[in-house]
């Protein structure tokens, strides 16, 4: 893996695109004991369905095809439906299309879907999402002919300690994210939060080999990787500030002021991210997609 990876790659996908770290993480999640003699083949799609809101790693191990997703924002109940489209594309990648018309029975790896929740909202340590829960009037049907099940684990720092203790890489990643959020809540700009967190991790011996190798790449990733996180932190800060200032005016006015302040801070942050992406030579179209700003607004920054 080279250090000139595209800026759209996330810290999560970069970290767990290493077969040894990925094997360690899967063992922790699945309760398996695969060692280095078990081959892992990574087949992540080059153009993910989930854009900048979800980062994924798809791989085969033993007789299984695993889609491992890191979700930085609120868990979407429609994820099983989105994964249904995603897994079809993965199988198309693994199996030559014309072979599905053959009389010979194909052998394909069985799928597993795992989502690692890393958002700011409260979420249980473990949960399960099912495609069948989306079917209209599902209670009227005794048999479901199509099902997709997604196991969701909360990987925020301090959650699921049993899993965290079995994966040093996951524990380090949770600490990395928690430190960045702490810096953001203290008012740091996203790029400063990333850089200071990298320095802190190296001093603490957290993700040392990874950060030593990819430090420059990680520093360039902050705009895309942390976009949702930053918006949520700043929005919550603005809401809290507005609520406090608006108490004398009544709860309704305080909520309105909080919403207004949160929206203003979120826009300021999008503009700051857009400026830094322009410095990196990123296209206006991509910046517009990532920040929800209009191209003419970006051009004026």
Protein backbone atom coordinates (compact mmCIF):
# COMPACT_ATOMS: atom_id res chain seq x y z
CA UNK A 1 0.00 0.00 0.00
CA UNK A 2 1.48 3.33 -1.02
CA UNK A 3 1.29 6.62 0.86
CA UNK A 4 -0.19 8.45 -2.12
CA UNK A 5 -3.67 7.02 -1.57
CA UNK A 6 -6.59 9.21 -2.67
CA UNK A 7 -7.77 11.77 -0.14
CA UNK A 8 -11.24 10.20 -0.12
CA UNK A 9 -9.89 7.18 1.80
CA UNK A 10 -10.68 7.23 5.51
CA UNK A 11 -8.43 6.52 8.48
CA UNK A 12 -10.62 3.49 9.22
CA UNK A 13 -10.29 1.92 5.76
CA UNK A 14 -6.59 2.72 5.59
CA UNK A 15 -5.92 1.21 9.02
CA UNK A 16 -7.92 -1.97 8.42
CA UNK A 17 -6.82 -2.52 4.84
CA UNK A 18 -3.83 -4.25 6.38
CA UNK A 19 -4.59 -8.02 6.43
CA UNK A 20 -3.00 -8.61 9.85
CA UNK A 21 -4.97 -5.82 11.55
CA UNK A 22 -8.12 -6.90 9.75
CA UNK A 23 -7.69 -10.52 10.84
CA UNK A 24 -7.17 -9.40 14.44
CA UNK A 25 -10.29 -7.24 14.31
CA UNK A 26 -12.43 -9.98 12.77
CA UNK A 27 -11.28 -12.49 15.39
CA UNK A 28 -12.32 -10.04 18.11
CA UNK A 29 -15.73 -9.44 16.58
CA UNK A 30 -16.56 -13.00 15.54
CA UNK A 31 -14.89 -14.89 18.38
CA UNK A 32 -12.70 -16.80 15.91
CA UNK A 33 -9.01 -17.67 16.18
CA UNK A 34 -7.61 -17.30 12.68
CA UNK A 35 -3.84 -16.89 12.55
CA UNK A 36 -1.49 -15.60 9.88
CA UNK A 37 -1.79 -18.86 7.95
CA UNK A 38 -5.41 -17.97 7.12
CA UNK A 39 -5.47 -15.88 3.97
CA UNK A 40 -7.48 -12.68 3.76
CA UNK A 41 -8.40 -11.27 0.36
CA UNK A 42 -9.59 -7.66 0.38
CA UNK A 43 -12.13 -6.85 -2.35
CA UNK A 44 -13.50 -3.48 -1.26
CA UNK A 45 -15.33 -1.71 -4.07
CA UNK A 46 -13.37 1.24 -5.43
CA UNK A 47 -16.50 3.39 -5.55
CA UNK A 48 -18.41 2.83 -2.31
CA UNK A 49 -22.18 3.27 -2.18
CA UNK A 50 -21.98 5.22 1.02
CA UNK A 51 -19.84 8.19 -0.04
CA UNK A 52 -18.39 10.22 2.84
CA UNK A 53 -20.83 9.01 5.52
CA UNK A 54 -19.84 5.35 5.69
CA UNK A 55 -16.45 3.71 5.21
CA UNK A 56 -16.19 0.03 4.41
CA UNK A 57 -13.77 -2.85 4.01
CA UNK A 58 -14.96 -5.95 2.15
CA UNK A 59 -12.91 -9.13 2.37
CA UNK A 60 -13.01 -12.92 2.16
CA UNK A 61 -11.67 -15.10 4.95
CA UNK A 62 -11.99 -18.90 4.97
CA UNK A 63 -15.45 -19.57 3.44
CA UNK A 64 -16.91 -16.17 4.37
CA UNK A 65 -17.40 -12.89 2.57
CA UNK A 66 -17.42 -10.13 5.17
CA UNK A 67 -18.54 -6.56 4.64
CA UNK A 68 -17.22 -4.51 7.54
CA UNK A 69 -18.59 -0.99 7.84
CA UNK A 70 -17.60 1.91 10.06
CA UNK A 71 -20.51 4.27 10.59
CA UNK A 72 -19.63 7.73 11.96
CA UNK A 73 -23.11 9.17 12.14
CA UNK A 74 -26.54 8.01 13.32
CA UNK A 75 -27.25 4.38 12.49
CA UNK A 76 -29.55 4.25 9.48
CA UNK A 77 -32.36 1.66 9.76
CA UNK A 78 -32.25 1.35 5.96
CA UNK A 79 -28.69 0.04 6.03
CA UNK A 80 -29.73 -3.59 5.25
CA UNK A 81 -31.37 -2.39 2.03
CA UNK A 82 -28.28 -0.43 1.02
CA UNK A 83 -26.09 -3.42 1.82
CA UNK A 84 -28.30 -5.64 -0.35
CA UNK A 85 -27.30 -3.54 -3.37
CA UNK A 86 -23.70 -3.46 -2.21
CA UNK A 87 -23.30 -7.22 -1.76
CA UNK A 88 -24.70 -7.85 -5.23
CA UNK A 89 -21.91 -5.72 -6.66
CA UNK A 90 -19.33 -7.59 -4.58
CA UNK A 91 -20.53 -10.98 -5.88
CA UNK A 92 -20.43 -9.61 -9.42
CA UNK A 93 -16.80 -8.74 -8.76
CA UNK A 94 -16.02 -12.24 -7.45
CA UNK A 95 -17.96 -14.31 -10.00
CA UNK A 96 -17.76 -13.96 -13.77
CA UNK A 97 -21.26 -12.89 -14.84
CA UNK A 98 -21.73 -15.51 -17.56
CA UNK A 99 -21.01 -18.32 -15.09
CA UNK A 100 -24.30 -17.74 -13.29
CA UNK A 101 -26.06 -19.16 -16.36
CA UNK A 102 -24.00 -22.34 -16.26
CA UNK A 103 -25.51 -25.71 -15.33
CA UNK A 104 -22.63 -26.19 -12.92
CA UNK A 105 -23.45 -25.22 -9.36
CA UNK A 106 -21.31 -22.33 -8.20
CA UNK A 107 -19.63 -22.17 -4.81
CA UNK A 108 -19.71 -18.68 -3.32
CA UNK A 109 -18.61 -17.49 0.12
CA UNK A 110 -21.43 -16.91 2.60
CA UNK A 111 -21.88 -13.26 3.56
CA UNK A 112 -21.52 -11.59 6.93
CA UNK A 113 -22.39 -7.95 7.56
CA UNK A 114 -20.91 -6.08 10.49
CA UNK A 115 -21.33 -2.38 11.26
CA UNK A 116 -19.09 -0.61 13.77
CA UNK A 117 -20.91 2.41 15.18
CA UNK A 118 -18.71 5.36 16.03
CA UNK A 119 -21.18 8.24 16.18
CA UNK A 120 -21.96 10.79 18.85
CA UNK A 121 -25.51 9.76 19.70
CA UNK A 122 -26.20 7.22 22.43
CA UNK A 123 -26.39 3.67 21.05
CA UNK A 124 -26.35 0.21 22.69
CA UNK A 125 -23.23 -1.92 22.75
CA UNK A 126 -24.79 -4.37 20.28
CA UNK A 127 -27.87 -4.48 18.08
CA UNK A 128 -29.17 -6.17 14.94
CA UNK A 129 -30.74 -4.58 11.87
CA UNK A 130 -32.84 -6.72 9.51
CA UNK A 131 -34.07 -6.11 5.99
CA UNK A 132 -37.40 -7.76 6.86
CA UNK A 133 -38.11 -4.93 9.31
CA UNK A 134 -38.50 -2.64 6.29
CA UNK A 135 -41.10 -4.73 4.49
CA UNK A 136 -44.53 -3.15 4.36
CA UNK A 137 -47.09 -4.99 6.46
CA UNK A 138 -44.41 -7.54 7.32
CA UNK A 139 -46.50 -8.82 10.23
CA UNK A 140 -49.00 -10.24 7.72
CA UNK A 141 -46.43 -12.55 6.15
CA UNK A 142 -45.32 -15.72 7.93
CA UNK A 143 -42.47 -16.44 5.52
CA UNK A 144 -39.77 -13.99 4.41
CA UNK A 145 -38.07 -15.02 1.19
CA UNK A 146 -35.32 -12.41 1.43
CA UNK A 147 -33.37 -11.37 4.50
CA UNK A 148 -30.24 -9.33 5.23
CA UNK A 149 -28.97 -9.17 8.80
CA UNK A 150 -26.46 -6.59 9.99
CA UNK A 151 -24.76 -6.93 13.37
CA UNK A 152 -23.98 -3.52 14.86
CA UNK A 153 -21.32 -2.95 17.53
CA UNK A 154 -20.68 0.33 19.34
CA UNK A 155 -16.91 0.91 19.16
CA UNK A 156 -16.74 4.25 20.94
CA UNK A 157 -14.08 4.37 23.66
CA UNK A 158 -15.22 2.45 26.73
CA UNK A 159 -17.91 0.45 24.92
CA UNK A 160 -17.69 -3.29 24.23
CA UNK A 161 -14.56 -3.77 26.35
CA UNK A 162 -14.51 -7.49 25.59
CA UNK A 163 -14.06 -6.83 21.87
CA UNK A 164 -11.70 -3.91 22.44
CA UNK A 165 -9.41 -6.04 24.65
CA UNK A 166 -8.98 -8.59 21.84
CA UNK A 167 -8.05 -6.05 19.16
CA UNK A 168 -5.22 -3.67 19.89
CA UNK A 169 -5.86 -1.87 16.60
CA UNK A 170 -9.54 -1.27 17.38
CA UNK A 171 -8.69 -0.06 20.90
CA UNK A 172 -6.13 2.34 19.44
CA UNK A 173 -8.58 3.58 16.81
CA UNK A 174 -11.24 4.24 19.47
CA UNK A 175 -8.71 6.24 21.48
CA UNK A 176 -7.66 8.13 18.34
CA UNK A 177 -11.25 9.17 17.57
CA UNK A 178 -12.04 10.04 21.19
CA UNK A 179 -8.98 12.32 21.38
CA UNK A 180 -9.94 14.13 18.19
CA UNK A 181 -13.44 14.77 19.54
CA UNK A 182 -11.97 16.08 22.77
CA UNK A 183 -9.80 18.52 20.80
CA UNK A 184 -12.78 19.65 18.72
CA UNK A 185 -14.90 20.23 21.80
CA UNK A 186 -12.11 22.43 23.16
CA UNK A 187 -12.41 24.60 20.05
CA UNK A 188 -9.57 23.28 17.88
CA UNK A 189 -9.93 23.49 14.11
CA UNK A 190 -10.26 20.06 12.47
CA UNK A 191 -6.76 20.06 10.96
CA UNK A 192 -5.19 21.06 14.29
CA UNK A 193 -7.22 18.42 16.11
CA UNK A 194 -5.94 15.73 13.75
CA UNK A 195 -2.30 16.81 13.95
CA UNK A 196 -2.24 17.18 17.74
CA UNK A 197 -4.00 13.82 18.11
CA UNK A 198 -1.40 12.13 15.91
CA UNK A 199 1.37 13.60 18.08
CA UNK A 200 -0.43 12.47 21.25
CA UNK A 201 -0.95 8.94 19.93
CA UNK A 202 2.71 8.58 18.99
CA UNK A 203 3.78 9.68 22.48
CA UNK A 204 1.33 7.23 24.05
CA UNK A 205 2.34 4.35 21.78
CA UNK A 206 -1.12 4.20 20.17
CA UNK A 207 -1.24 3.03 16.53
CA UNK A 208 2.47 3.78 16.43
CA UNK A 209 3.53 1.80 13.35
CA UNK A 210 0.48 2.90 11.39
CA UNK A 211 0.82 6.61 12.21
CA UNK A 212 4.57 6.61 11.63
CA UNK A 213 4.01 5.20 8.15
CA UNK A 214 0.96 7.24 7.16
CA UNK A 215 1.25 10.40 9.23
CA UNK A 216 1.30 12.71 6.22
CA UNK A 217 -1.68 10.96 4.65
CA UNK A 218 -3.70 11.06 7.88
CA UNK A 219 -3.06 14.79 8.24
CA UNK A 220 -4.48 15.33 4.74
CA UNK A 221 -7.58 13.24 5.46
CA UNK A 222 -9.11 15.42 8.15
CA UNK A 223 -11.52 17.30 5.89
CA UNK A 224 -13.31 14.27 4.45
CA UNK A 225 -12.86 11.89 7.37
CA UNK A 226 -14.14 14.22 10.06
CA UNK A 227 -16.82 16.17 8.18
CA UNK A 228 -19.84 14.58 9.87
CA UNK A 229 -18.13 14.45 13.25
CA UNK A 230 -17.24 18.14 13.17
CA UNK A 231 -20.72 19.20 12.08
CA UNK A 232 -22.31 17.22 14.90
CA UNK A 233 -19.92 18.52 17.58
CA UNK A 234 -20.27 22.12 16.49
CA UNK A 235 -24.03 21.78 16.10
CA UNK A 236 -24.38 20.39 19.62
CA UNK A 237 -22.17 23.16 21.00
CA UNK A 238 -24.27 25.78 19.23
CA UNK A 239 -27.48 24.22 20.49
CA UNK A 240 -26.21 24.15 24.08
CA UNK A 241 -25.00 27.77 23.89
CA UNK A 242 -28.30 28.93 22.43
CA UNK A 243 -30.30 27.02 25.04
CA UNK A 244 -28.33 28.65 27.85
CA UNK A 245 -28.63 32.17 26.43
CA UNK A 246 -32.30 31.68 25.67
CA UNK A 247 -33.42 30.44 29.09
CA UNK A 248 -34.55 33.93 30.07
CA UNK A 249 -36.66 34.09 26.91
CA UNK A 250 -38.30 30.73 27.51
CA UNK A 251 -37.60 27.19 26.32
CA UNK A 252 -39.06 27.63 22.82
CA UNK A 253 -36.96 30.73 22.11
CA UNK A 254 -33.88 29.00 23.55
CA UNK A 255 -34.32 26.05 21.24
CA UNK A 256 -34.74 28.35 18.24
CA UNK A 257 -31.60 30.28 19.19
CA UNK A 258 -29.70 27.03 19.64
CA UNK A 259 -30.75 25.76 16.23
CA UNK A 260 -29.77 29.05 14.63
CA UNK A 261 -26.37 29.06 16.33
CA UNK A 262 -25.74 25.40 15.44
CA UNK A 263 -26.54 26.03 11.79
CA UNK A 264 -24.22 29.06 11.70
CA UNK A 265 -21.32 27.12 13.24
CA UNK A 266 -21.90 24.21 10.87
CA UNK A 267 -21.70 26.55 7.87
CA UNK A 268 -18.50 28.17 9.19
CA UNK A 269 -17.00 24.72 9.50
CA UNK A 270 -18.04 23.69 5.97
CA UNK A 271 -16.43 26.85 4.60
CA UNK A 272 -13.20 26.15 6.50
CA UNK A 273 -13.11 22.59 5.17
CA UNK A 274 -13.75 23.87 1.64
CA UNK A 275 -10.83 26.34 1.90
CA UNK A 276 -8.45 23.57 2.95
CA UNK A 277 -9.65 21.19 0.24
CA UNK A 278 -9.05 23.94 -2.34
CA UNK A 279 -5.48 24.25 -1.05
CA UNK A 280 -5.06 20.51 -1.67
CA UNK A 281 -6.17 20.98 -5.28
CA UNK A 282 -9.44 19.09 -4.88
CA UNK A 283 -12.03 19.72 -7.60
CA UNK A 284 -14.89 22.13 -6.92
CA UNK A 285 -17.42 19.40 -7.71
CA UNK A 286 -16.02 17.09 -5.04
CA UNK A 287 -15.81 19.93 -2.50
CA UNK A 288 -19.43 20.82 -3.24
CA UNK A 289 -20.48 17.20 -2.74
CA UNK A 290 -18.55 16.92 0.53
CA UNK A 291 -19.62 20.23 2.09
CA UNK A 292 -23.06 20.91 0.52
CA UNK A 293 -21.82 24.34 -0.56
CA UNK A 294 -22.58 25.66 -4.04
CA UNK A 295 -19.64 25.74 -6.50
CA UNK A 296 -19.93 29.54 -6.80
CA UNK A 297 -19.77 29.83 -3.01
CA UNK A 298 -16.63 27.70 -2.93
CA UNK A 299 -15.04 29.77 -5.70
CA UNK A 300 -15.43 32.92 -3.62
CA UNK A 301 -13.65 31.46 -0.58
